[in-house]
Amino acid sequence: MITPLPALLEENPIIIAIKDEEGLARCLQNPKPVVFVLYGSVVSIPDIVRRLKKAGKTVFVDVDLLDGLSAREAAVEYLVGATEADGVISTKAALVRRAKALGLAGVYRTFLLDNMALQSLRKSGGSQWADFIEILPGLMPKLIARLSHELNAPLIASGLIADKQDVIDALGAGAVAVSSTCPAVWEL
């Protein structure tokens, strides 16, 4: 039986985010079950996902970062047909919605750089159509606490998460998980 993602994150709130082949190799040696793939191409992504799935990982692919694919709904359809990815990450609402329509989980990634970005997130309705909202940078416990009460979708803190205290602060503020490309965080 496949463990539902919320239960996986409750047990293991650190998500391994990989950005290159070195990260992939290290990830395959790590017991953390959830992986965000932040690199790849139309040629390489099927093999990357296959290797991760063979290792028992739950795999999300950032469709915006794949070389050779435009950030359009067809890119999500390609992932469904060419891989066994469990979910999609995107800054584009239409791609998250398409992933959900095709049976994948959807993570809406947003960069909260200023109050305009925050207002845009609130107005987007993302908590109605995304399984998770990933907010960057993840070093904003006060904002994480506020948004965890305002939005209906669970929050994942990401970006600049570099040590145990960053993880503790984000989770303590209300994030359900953190995503990091920092191997030291993966070992926590």
N, C-alpha and C. Protein backbone atom coordinates (compact mmCIF):
# COMPACT_ATOMS: atom_id res chain seq x y z
N MET A 1 0.84 -1.19 0.00
CA MET A 1 0.00 0.00 0.00
C MET A 1 0.88 1.25 0.00
N ILE A 2 0.52 2.22 -0.79
CA ILE A 2 1.26 3.47 -0.89
C ILE A 2 0.84 4.39 0.26
N THR A 3 1.82 4.94 0.96
CA THR A 3 1.54 5.86 2.05
C THR A 3 1.13 7.22 1.47
N PRO A 4 0.00 7.76 1.92
CA PRO A 4 -0.41 9.08 1.41
C PRO A 4 0.63 10.14 1.75
N LEU A 5 0.77 11.12 0.88
CA LEU A 5 1.79 12.15 1.04
C LEU A 5 1.69 12.89 2.38
N PRO A 6 0.52 13.31 2.83
CA PRO A 6 0.49 14.00 4.14
C PRO A 6 1.08 13.14 5.26
N ALA A 7 0.82 11.84 5.23
CA ALA A 7 1.38 10.95 6.26
C ALA A 7 2.89 10.83 6.11
N LEU A 8 3.37 10.75 4.87
CA LEU A 8 4.82 10.70 4.64
C LEU A 8 5.50 11.95 5.19
N LEU A 9 4.90 13.11 4.94
CA LEU A 9 5.50 14.36 5.39
C LEU A 9 5.40 14.53 6.90
N GLU A 10 4.37 13.97 7.49
CA GLU A 10 4.27 14.03 8.95
C GLU A 10 5.40 13.23 9.59
N GLU A 11 5.70 12.08 9.00
CA GLU A 11 6.78 11.23 9.51
C GLU A 11 8.16 11.76 9.11
N ASN A 12 8.27 12.36 7.93
CA ASN A 12 9.55 12.81 7.37
C ASN A 12 9.36 14.19 6.75
N PRO A 13 9.39 15.26 7.55
CA PRO A 13 9.07 16.59 7.02
C PRO A 13 10.18 17.26 6.21
N ILE A 14 11.29 16.57 6.00
CA ILE A 14 12.35 17.14 5.17
C ILE A 14 12.27 16.52 3.78
N ILE A 15 12.09 17.38 2.79
CA ILE A 15 12.01 16.95 1.39
C ILE A 15 13.37 17.21 0.75
N ILE A 16 13.91 16.19 0.11
CA ILE A 16 15.17 16.34 -0.61
C ILE A 16 14.88 17.01 -1.95
N ALA A 17 15.52 18.13 -2.20
CA ALA A 17 15.39 18.83 -3.49
C ALA A 17 16.72 18.66 -4.22
N ILE A 18 16.65 18.06 -5.41
CA ILE A 18 17.88 17.79 -6.16
C ILE A 18 17.94 18.69 -7.39
N LYS A 19 19.15 19.21 -7.64
CA LYS A 19 19.33 20.15 -8.75
C LYS A 19 20.35 19.68 -9.77
N ASP A 20 20.93 18.48 -9.55
CA ASP A 20 21.94 17.98 -10.49
C ASP A 20 22.18 16.49 -10.22
N GLU A 21 23.04 15.89 -11.05
CA GLU A 21 23.33 14.46 -10.93
C GLU A 21 23.99 14.11 -9.60
N GLU A 22 24.83 15.00 -9.08
CA GLU A 22 25.45 14.75 -7.78
C GLU A 22 24.38 14.66 -6.69
N GLY A 23 23.42 15.56 -6.73
CA GLY A 23 22.32 15.51 -5.78
C GLY A 23 21.51 14.24 -5.93
N LEU A 24 21.29 13.81 -7.16
CA LEU A 24 20.56 12.56 -7.40
C LEU A 24 21.29 11.39 -6.77
N ALA A 25 22.59 11.30 -6.98
CA ALA A 25 23.38 10.20 -6.41
C ALA A 25 23.29 10.19 -4.89
N ARG A 26 23.40 11.36 -4.27
CA ARG A 26 23.32 11.44 -2.81
C ARG A 26 21.92 11.10 -2.32
N CYS A 27 20.93 11.56 -3.05
CA CYS A 27 19.54 11.30 -2.69
C CYS A 27 19.24 9.80 -2.68
N LEU A 28 19.78 9.09 -3.65
CA LEU A 28 19.53 7.65 -3.75
C LEU A 28 20.11 6.89 -2.56
N GLN A 29 21.05 7.50 -1.85
CA GLN A 29 21.65 6.88 -0.67
C GLN A 29 20.98 7.32 0.63
N ASN A 30 19.99 8.19 0.53
CA ASN A 30 19.35 8.78 1.70
C ASN A 30 17.96 8.15 1.90
N PRO A 31 17.57 7.88 3.14
CA PRO A 31 16.26 7.24 3.36
C PRO A 31 15.05 8.17 3.27
N LYS A 32 15.25 9.48 3.15
CA LYS A 32 14.10 10.38 3.07
C LYS A 32 13.24 9.99 1.86
N PRO A 33 11.90 9.91 2.05
CA PRO A 33 11.06 9.34 0.99
C PRO A 33 10.56 10.30 -0.09
N VAL A 34 10.59 11.61 0.16
CA VAL A 34 10.00 12.55 -0.80
C VAL A 34 11.10 13.38 -1.44
N VAL A 35 11.02 13.51 -2.79
CA VAL A 35 12.06 14.21 -3.55
C VAL A 35 11.41 15.21 -4.49
N PHE A 36 11.98 16.41 -4.53
CA PHE A 36 11.62 17.42 -5.52
C PHE A 36 12.76 17.45 -6.54
N VAL A 37 12.45 17.18 -7.81
CA VAL A 37 13.45 17.21 -8.88
C VAL A 37 13.40 18.59 -9.52
N LEU A 38 14.52 19.31 -9.42
CA LEU A 38 14.60 20.70 -9.89
C LEU A 38 15.51 20.84 -11.09
N TYR A 39 15.70 19.77 -11.84
CA TYR A 39 16.56 19.82 -13.03
C TYR A 39 16.12 18.70 -13.97
N GLY A 40 16.73 18.69 -15.14
CA GLY A 40 16.47 17.64 -16.11
C GLY A 40 16.05 18.22 -17.44
N SER A 41 15.87 17.31 -18.36
CA SER A 41 15.46 17.70 -19.71
C SER A 41 14.43 16.70 -20.21
N VAL A 42 13.88 17.01 -21.35
CA VAL A 42 12.93 16.10 -21.97
C VAL A 42 13.56 14.73 -22.19
N VAL A 43 14.87 14.69 -22.39
CA VAL A 43 15.57 13.42 -22.61
C VAL A 43 15.88 12.71 -21.30
N SER A 44 16.32 13.45 -20.28
CA SER A 44 16.82 12.81 -19.06
C SER A 44 15.76 12.55 -17.99
N ILE A 45 14.66 13.28 -17.98
CA ILE A 45 13.72 13.18 -16.87
C ILE A 45 13.09 11.79 -16.73
N PRO A 46 12.80 11.06 -17.81
CA PRO A 46 12.26 9.71 -17.59
C PRO A 46 13.21 8.82 -16.79
N ASP A 47 14.52 8.89 -17.08
CA ASP A 47 15.48 8.07 -16.35
C ASP A 47 15.66 8.55 -14.91
N ILE A 48 15.68 9.85 -14.71
CA ILE A 48 15.81 10.39 -13.35
C ILE A 48 14.65 9.89 -12.48
N VAL A 49 13.44 10.04 -12.98
CA VAL A 49 12.26 9.60 -12.22
C VAL A 49 12.28 8.09 -12.02
N ARG A 50 12.66 7.34 -13.06
CA ARG A 50 12.72 5.87 -12.94
C ARG A 50 13.65 5.45 -11.82
N ARG A 51 14.83 6.06 -11.76
CA ARG A 51 15.81 5.72 -10.73
C ARG A 51 15.28 6.04 -9.33
N LEU A 52 14.62 7.18 -9.21
CA LEU A 52 14.07 7.56 -7.91
C LEU A 52 12.93 6.64 -7.49
N LYS A 53 12.05 6.31 -8.43
CA LYS A 53 10.94 5.41 -8.12
C LYS A 53 11.45 4.02 -7.76
N LYS A 54 12.49 3.56 -8.46
CA LYS A 54 13.09 2.26 -8.15
C LYS A 54 13.62 2.24 -6.72
N ALA A 55 14.06 3.39 -6.23
CA ALA A 55 14.57 3.51 -4.85
C ALA A 55 13.44 3.73 -3.85
N GLY A 56 12.19 3.71 -4.32
CA GLY A 56 11.05 3.83 -3.42
C GLY A 56 10.66 5.26 -3.06
N LYS A 57 11.10 6.22 -3.84
CA LYS A 57 10.83 7.63 -3.53
C LYS A 57 9.49 8.09 -4.10
N THR A 58 8.90 9.06 -3.43
CA THR A 58 7.76 9.80 -3.96
C THR A 58 8.35 11.01 -4.67
N VAL A 59 8.05 11.15 -5.96
CA VAL A 59 8.77 12.09 -6.82
C VAL A 59 7.87 13.19 -7.37
N PHE A 60 8.32 14.44 -7.15
CA PHE A 60 7.68 15.61 -7.73
C PHE A 60 8.68 16.26 -8.68
N VAL A 61 8.22 16.64 -9.85
CA VAL A 61 9.09 17.26 -10.85
C VAL A 61 8.67 18.71 -11.05
N ASP A 62 9.65 19.62 -10.96
CA ASP A 62 9.37 21.03 -11.25
C ASP A 62 9.35 21.20 -12.76
N VAL A 63 8.16 21.24 -13.31
CA VAL A 63 7.98 21.28 -14.76
C VAL A 63 8.50 22.58 -15.36
N ASP A 64 8.57 23.64 -14.57
CA ASP A 64 9.07 24.92 -15.07
C ASP A 64 10.57 24.87 -15.35
N LEU A 65 11.28 23.94 -14.73
CA LEU A 65 12.74 23.90 -14.83
C LEU A 65 13.27 22.85 -15.80
N LEU A 66 12.40 22.17 -16.53
CA LEU A 66 12.84 21.13 -17.46
C LEU A 66 13.27 21.73 -18.79
N ASP A 67 14.50 21.44 -19.20
CA ASP A 67 14.99 21.89 -20.50
C ASP A 67 14.27 21.14 -21.62
N GLY A 68 13.95 21.85 -22.67
CA GLY A 68 13.34 21.22 -23.83
C GLY A 68 11.83 21.18 -23.78
N LEU A 69 11.24 21.63 -22.68
CA LEU A 69 9.79 21.70 -22.57
C LEU A 69 9.40 23.12 -22.20
N SER A 70 8.38 23.62 -22.85
CA SER A 70 7.89 24.94 -22.45
C SER A 70 6.96 24.75 -21.26
N ALA A 71 6.80 25.76 -20.47
CA ALA A 71 5.95 25.69 -19.29
C ALA A 71 4.49 25.81 -19.71
N ARG A 72 4.01 24.75 -20.35
CA ARG A 72 2.63 24.69 -20.83
C ARG A 72 2.02 23.36 -20.41
N GLU A 73 0.73 23.25 -20.56
CA GLU A 73 0.03 22.04 -20.13
C GLU A 73 0.57 20.80 -20.82
N ALA A 74 1.05 20.92 -22.05
CA ALA A 74 1.61 19.77 -22.76
C ALA A 74 2.82 19.20 -22.03
N ALA A 75 3.55 20.03 -21.30
CA ALA A 75 4.70 19.55 -20.53
C ALA A 75 4.23 18.61 -19.42
N VAL A 76 3.13 18.95 -18.78
CA VAL A 76 2.57 18.08 -17.74
C VAL A 76 2.08 16.78 -18.37
N GLU A 77 1.44 16.87 -19.52
CA GLU A 77 0.97 15.68 -20.21
C GLU A 77 2.14 14.78 -20.59
N TYR A 78 3.25 15.39 -21.02
CA TYR A 78 4.46 14.62 -21.32
C TYR A 78 4.94 13.88 -20.08
N LEU A 79 5.01 14.55 -18.94
CA LEU A 79 5.46 13.89 -17.71
C LEU A 79 4.59 12.70 -17.36
N VAL A 80 3.29 12.84 -17.52
CA VAL A 80 2.37 11.74 -17.22
C VAL A 80 2.64 10.56 -18.15
N GLY A 81 2.86 10.84 -19.43
CA GLY A 81 3.07 9.77 -20.39
C GLY A 81 4.46 9.15 -20.35
N ALA A 82 5.47 9.92 -19.98
CA ALA A 82 6.85 9.46 -20.07
C ALA A 82 7.47 9.04 -18.74
N THR A 83 6.81 9.37 -17.62
CA THR A 83 7.39 9.06 -16.32
C THR A 83 6.34 8.51 -15.37
N GLU A 84 6.79 8.10 -14.21
CA GLU A 84 5.90 7.69 -13.14
C GLU A 84 5.94 8.70 -12.00
N ALA A 85 6.15 9.98 -12.33
CA ALA A 85 6.18 11.02 -11.31
C ALA A 85 4.87 11.02 -10.54
N ASP A 86 4.96 11.33 -9.27
CA ASP A 86 3.79 11.38 -8.40
C ASP A 86 3.13 12.75 -8.40
N GLY A 87 3.92 13.77 -8.78
CA GLY A 87 3.37 15.11 -8.74
C GLY A 87 4.21 16.10 -9.51
N VAL A 88 3.66 17.30 -9.63
CA VAL A 88 4.27 18.38 -10.38
C VAL A 88 4.41 19.58 -9.46
N ILE A 89 5.50 20.32 -9.65
CA ILE A 89 5.73 21.60 -8.99
C ILE A 89 5.73 22.65 -10.09
N SER A 90 5.05 23.77 -9.85
CA SER A 90 5.07 24.85 -10.84
C SER A 90 4.68 26.17 -10.20
N THR A 91 5.19 27.24 -10.78
CA THR A 91 4.76 28.59 -10.40
C THR A 91 3.54 29.01 -11.21
N LYS A 92 3.11 28.15 -12.10
CA LYS A 92 1.98 28.47 -12.98
C LYS A 92 0.74 27.66 -12.58
N ALA A 93 -0.30 28.39 -12.22
CA ALA A 93 -1.53 27.76 -11.75
C ALA A 93 -2.09 26.77 -12.76
N ALA A 94 -2.06 27.11 -14.03
CA ALA A 94 -2.64 26.24 -15.06
C ALA A 94 -1.95 24.88 -15.09
N LEU A 95 -0.64 24.85 -14.84
CA LEU A 95 0.08 23.58 -14.86
C LEU A 95 -0.25 22.73 -13.64
N VAL A 96 -0.41 23.37 -12.49
CA VAL A 96 -0.80 22.63 -11.29
C VAL A 96 -2.21 22.07 -11.47
N ARG A 97 -3.10 22.88 -12.01
CA ARG A 97 -4.47 22.41 -12.26
C ARG A 97 -4.49 21.24 -13.24
N ARG A 98 -3.69 21.32 -14.30
CA ARG A 98 -3.64 20.24 -15.29
C ARG A 98 -3.09 18.97 -14.66
N ALA A 99 -2.07 19.10 -13.84
CA ALA A 99 -1.52 17.93 -13.14
C ALA A 99 -2.60 17.27 -12.30
N LYS A 100 -3.35 18.06 -11.56
CA LYS A 100 -4.42 17.51 -10.72
C LYS A 100 -5.47 16.81 -11.58
N ALA A 101 -5.82 17.41 -12.72
CA ALA A 101 -6.82 16.81 -13.60
C ALA A 101 -6.34 15.47 -14.15
N LEU A 102 -5.02 15.31 -14.27
CA LEU A 102 -4.45 14.06 -14.80
C LEU A 102 -4.10 13.07 -13.69
N GLY A 103 -4.47 13.38 -12.47
CA GLY A 103 -4.27 12.44 -11.37
C GLY A 103 -2.98 12.59 -10.59
N LEU A 104 -2.21 13.63 -10.88
CA LEU A 104 -0.98 13.87 -10.12
C LEU A 104 -1.25 14.85 -8.98
N ALA A 105 -0.39 14.82 -7.99
CA ALA A 105 -0.46 15.83 -6.93
C ALA A 105 0.14 17.12 -7.48
N GLY A 106 -0.30 18.24 -6.94
CA GLY A 106 0.19 19.53 -7.42
C GLY A 106 0.74 20.40 -6.31
N VAL A 107 1.96 20.90 -6.53
CA VAL A 107 2.58 21.84 -5.61
C VAL A 107 2.70 23.18 -6.33
N TYR A 108 2.05 24.19 -5.78
CA TYR A 108 2.13 25.54 -6.33
C TYR A 108 3.27 26.26 -5.64
N ARG A 109 4.30 26.61 -6.40
CA ARG A 109 5.50 27.27 -5.87
C ARG A 109 5.36 28.77 -6.08
N THR A 110 5.59 29.52 -5.00
CA THR A 110 5.49 30.97 -5.10
C THR A 110 6.63 31.65 -4.36
N PHE A 111 7.12 32.71 -4.95
CA PHE A 111 8.21 33.50 -4.37
C PHE A 111 7.60 34.73 -3.71
N LEU A 112 7.66 34.79 -2.40
CA LEU A 112 7.08 35.91 -1.66
C LEU A 112 8.14 36.97 -1.44
N LEU A 113 8.32 37.80 -2.45
CA LEU A 113 9.37 38.81 -2.43
C LEU A 113 8.92 40.12 -1.80
N ASP A 114 7.61 40.38 -1.82
CA ASP A 114 7.10 41.64 -1.29
C ASP A 114 5.61 41.49 -1.03
N ASN A 115 4.99 42.57 -0.57
CA ASN A 115 3.56 42.53 -0.25
C ASN A 115 2.69 42.29 -1.47
N MET A 116 3.13 42.74 -2.64
CA MET A 116 2.36 42.49 -3.86
C MET A 116 2.31 40.99 -4.15
N ALA A 117 3.42 40.30 -3.98
CA ALA A 117 3.44 38.85 -4.19
C ALA A 117 2.56 38.15 -3.18
N LEU A 118 2.57 38.61 -1.95
CA LEU A 118 1.73 38.04 -0.90
C LEU A 118 0.25 38.22 -1.24
N GLN A 119 -0.13 39.40 -1.67
CA GLN A 119 -1.52 39.65 -2.05
C GLN A 119 -1.92 38.80 -3.26
N SER A 120 -1.01 38.64 -4.19
CA SER A 120 -1.27 37.81 -5.36
C SER A 120 -1.54 36.36 -4.95
N LEU A 121 -0.76 35.85 -4.00
CA LEU A 121 -0.99 34.49 -3.51
C LEU A 121 -2.36 34.38 -2.87
N ARG A 122 -2.71 35.33 -2.05
CA ARG A 122 -4.01 35.29 -1.38
C ARG A 122 -5.16 35.32 -2.39
N LYS A 123 -5.01 36.10 -3.45
CA LYS A 123 -6.07 36.23 -4.45
C LYS A 123 -6.12 35.06 -5.43
N SER A 124 -5.03 34.32 -5.53
CA SER A 124 -4.93 33.26 -6.54
C SER A 124 -5.89 32.10 -6.30
N GLY A 125 -6.30 31.93 -5.06
CA GLY A 125 -7.14 30.77 -4.75
C GLY A 125 -6.36 29.48 -4.77
N GLY A 126 -5.04 29.56 -4.72
CA GLY A 126 -4.19 28.37 -4.81
C GLY A 126 -4.52 27.30 -3.80
N SER A 127 -5.00 27.71 -2.64
CA SER A 127 -5.32 26.71 -1.64
C SER A 127 -6.56 25.90 -2.02
N GLN A 128 -7.27 26.34 -3.05
CA GLN A 128 -8.44 25.59 -3.52
C GLN A 128 -8.07 24.54 -4.56
N TRP A 129 -6.97 24.72 -5.27
CA TRP A 129 -6.63 23.80 -6.36
C TRP A 129 -5.25 23.18 -6.24
N ALA A 130 -4.46 23.55 -5.26
CA ALA A 130 -3.14 22.93 -5.09
C ALA A 130 -3.17 22.03 -3.86
N ASP A 131 -2.44 20.93 -3.93
CA ASP A 131 -2.34 20.06 -2.75
C ASP A 131 -1.45 20.69 -1.69
N PHE A 132 -0.42 21.39 -2.15
CA PHE A 132 0.52 22.07 -1.26
C PHE A 132 0.91 23.39 -1.90
N ILE A 133 1.24 24.36 -1.06
CA ILE A 133 1.80 25.62 -1.54
C ILE A 133 3.21 25.71 -0.98
N GLU A 134 4.18 25.82 -1.89
CA GLU A 134 5.58 25.94 -1.50
C GLU A 134 5.94 27.42 -1.53
N ILE A 135 6.37 27.95 -0.39
CA ILE A 135 6.72 29.36 -0.33
C ILE A 135 8.23 29.53 -0.20
N LEU A 136 8.73 30.48 -0.98
CA LEU A 136 10.16 30.79 -0.97
C LEU A 136 10.33 32.28 -0.73
N PRO A 137 11.33 32.72 -0.01
CA PRO A 137 12.24 31.88 0.77
C PRO A 137 11.55 31.32 2.01
N GLY A 138 12.10 30.25 2.51
CA GLY A 138 11.49 29.53 3.63
C GLY A 138 11.87 30.06 5.00
N LEU A 139 12.65 31.12 5.04
CA LEU A 139 13.14 31.66 6.31
C LEU A 139 12.25 32.79 6.83
N MET A 140 10.95 32.55 6.83
CA MET A 140 10.00 33.59 7.26
C MET A 140 8.98 33.01 8.23
N PRO A 141 9.39 32.64 9.44
CA PRO A 141 8.46 31.98 10.36
C PRO A 141 7.20 32.79 10.65
N LYS A 142 7.32 34.10 10.77
CA LYS A 142 6.15 34.92 11.07
C LYS A 142 5.13 34.83 9.93
N LEU A 143 5.60 34.89 8.70
CA LEU A 143 4.70 34.80 7.55
C LEU A 143 4.16 33.38 7.39
N ILE A 144 5.00 32.38 7.63
CA ILE A 144 4.54 30.98 7.57
C ILE A 144 3.40 30.78 8.56
N ALA A 145 3.55 31.29 9.77
CA ALA A 145 2.50 31.15 10.79
C ALA A 145 1.20 31.79 10.32
N ARG A 146 1.30 32.98 9.77
CA ARG A 146 0.10 33.69 9.31
C ARG A 146 -0.57 32.93 8.16
N LEU A 147 0.21 32.52 7.17
CA LEU A 147 -0.36 31.85 6.00
C LEU A 147 -0.89 30.46 6.33
N SER A 148 -0.28 29.78 7.28
CA SER A 148 -0.77 28.44 7.63
C SER A 148 -2.19 28.50 8.20
N HIS A 149 -2.58 29.66 8.72
CA HIS A 149 -3.95 29.84 9.21
C HIS A 149 -4.88 30.41 8.14
N GLU A 150 -4.33 31.16 7.19
CA GLU A 150 -5.15 31.80 6.16
C GLU A 150 -5.48 30.89 4.99
N LEU A 151 -4.54 30.02 4.62
CA LEU A 151 -4.70 29.20 3.42
C LEU A 151 -5.16 27.80 3.79
N ASN A 152 -5.93 27.19 2.91
CA ASN A 152 -6.42 25.84 3.16
C ASN A 152 -5.43 24.76 2.76
N ALA A 153 -4.45 25.09 1.93
CA ALA A 153 -3.46 24.09 1.49
C ALA A 153 -2.28 24.08 2.45
N PRO A 154 -1.73 22.91 2.74
CA PRO A 154 -0.55 22.83 3.60
C PRO A 154 0.64 23.55 2.96
N LEU A 155 1.48 24.15 3.79
CA LEU A 155 2.63 24.92 3.32
C LEU A 155 3.92 24.11 3.40
N ILE A 156 4.75 24.26 2.38
CA ILE A 156 6.10 23.72 2.37
C ILE A 156 7.03 24.92 2.31
N ALA A 157 7.95 25.03 3.27
CA ALA A 157 8.92 26.12 3.29
C ALA A 157 10.15 25.69 2.49
N SER A 158 10.65 26.57 1.64
CA SER A 158 11.75 26.22 0.77
C SER A 158 12.61 27.44 0.49
N GLY A 159 13.82 27.21 0.09
CA GLY A 159 14.71 28.30 -0.27
C GLY A 159 15.46 28.83 0.94
N LEU A 160 16.76 28.70 0.91
CA LEU A 160 17.67 29.17 1.95
C LEU A 160 17.59 28.36 3.24
N ILE A 161 16.90 27.23 3.24
CA ILE A 161 16.88 26.35 4.41
C ILE A 161 18.23 25.65 4.46
N ALA A 162 19.04 25.95 5.48
CA ALA A 162 20.43 25.47 5.48
C ALA A 162 20.85 24.71 6.73
N ASP A 163 20.05 24.77 7.80
CA ASP A 163 20.48 24.07 9.01
C ASP A 163 19.28 23.66 9.86
N LYS A 164 19.58 22.98 10.95
CA LYS A 164 18.54 22.43 11.82
C LYS A 164 17.61 23.53 12.35
N GLN A 165 18.18 24.66 12.72
CA GLN A 165 17.35 25.74 13.27
C GLN A 165 16.37 26.27 12.23
N ASP A 166 16.79 26.35 10.97
CA ASP A 166 15.88 26.78 9.90
C ASP A 166 14.70 25.81 9.80
N VAL A 167 14.99 24.51 9.89
CA VAL A 167 13.95 23.49 9.81
C VAL A 167 13.01 23.61 11.00
N ILE A 168 13.57 23.72 12.19
CA ILE A 168 12.76 23.84 13.41
C ILE A 168 11.87 25.08 13.35
N ASP A 169 12.44 26.20 12.92
CA ASP A 169 11.66 27.44 12.84
C ASP A 169 10.50 27.32 11.85
N ALA A 170 10.77 26.76 10.68
CA ALA A 170 9.71 26.64 9.66
C ALA A 170 8.61 25.69 10.11
N LEU A 171 9.00 24.52 10.62
CA LEU A 171 8.00 23.55 11.07
C LEU A 171 7.24 24.08 12.29
N GLY A 172 7.95 24.74 13.19
CA GLY A 172 7.32 25.30 14.37
C GLY A 172 6.33 26.40 14.04
N ALA A 173 6.55 27.08 12.93
CA ALA A 173 5.66 28.16 12.51
C ALA A 173 4.41 27.65 11.80
N GLY A 174 4.41 26.37 11.41
CA GLY A 174 3.22 25.82 10.77
C GLY A 174 3.41 25.17 9.42
N ALA A 175 4.63 25.19 8.87
CA ALA A 175 4.87 24.47 7.62
C ALA A 175 4.75 22.97 7.90
N VAL A 176 4.22 22.21 6.94
CA VAL A 176 4.13 20.76 7.12
C VAL A 176 5.43 20.08 6.73
N ALA A 177 6.26 20.78 5.95
CA ALA A 177 7.54 20.21 5.51
C ALA A 177 8.44 21.35 5.06
N VAL A 178 9.72 21.01 4.89
CA VAL A 178 10.68 21.92 4.28
C VAL A 178 11.32 21.20 3.11
N SER A 179 11.68 21.95 2.10
CA SER A 179 12.39 21.42 0.94
C SER A 179 13.73 22.12 0.88
N SER A 180 14.81 21.34 0.70
CA SER A 180 16.14 21.95 0.67
C SER A 180 17.05 21.21 -0.29
N THR A 181 17.91 21.98 -0.96
CA THR A 181 18.95 21.39 -1.81
C THR A 181 20.23 21.17 -1.01
N CYS A 182 20.23 21.49 0.26
CA CYS A 182 21.41 21.39 1.11
C CYS A 182 21.54 19.98 1.69
N PRO A 183 22.57 19.21 1.27
CA PRO A 183 22.72 17.85 1.78
C PRO A 183 22.81 17.75 3.30
N ALA A 184 23.34 18.76 3.97
CA ALA A 184 23.40 18.71 5.44
C ALA A 184 22.00 18.67 6.04
N VAL A 185 21.05 19.34 5.42
CA VAL A 185 19.67 19.31 5.90
C VAL A 185 19.06 17.94 5.66
N TRP A 186 19.42 17.30 4.56
CA TRP A 186 18.88 15.98 4.25
C TRP A 186 19.21 14.97 5.34
N GLU A 187 20.32 15.19 6.02
CA GLU A 187 20.79 14.24 7.03
C GLU A 187 20.13 14.44 8.39
N LEU A 188 19.34 15.49 8.55
CA LEU A 188 18.69 15.74 9.85
C LEU A 188 17.64 14.71 10.15
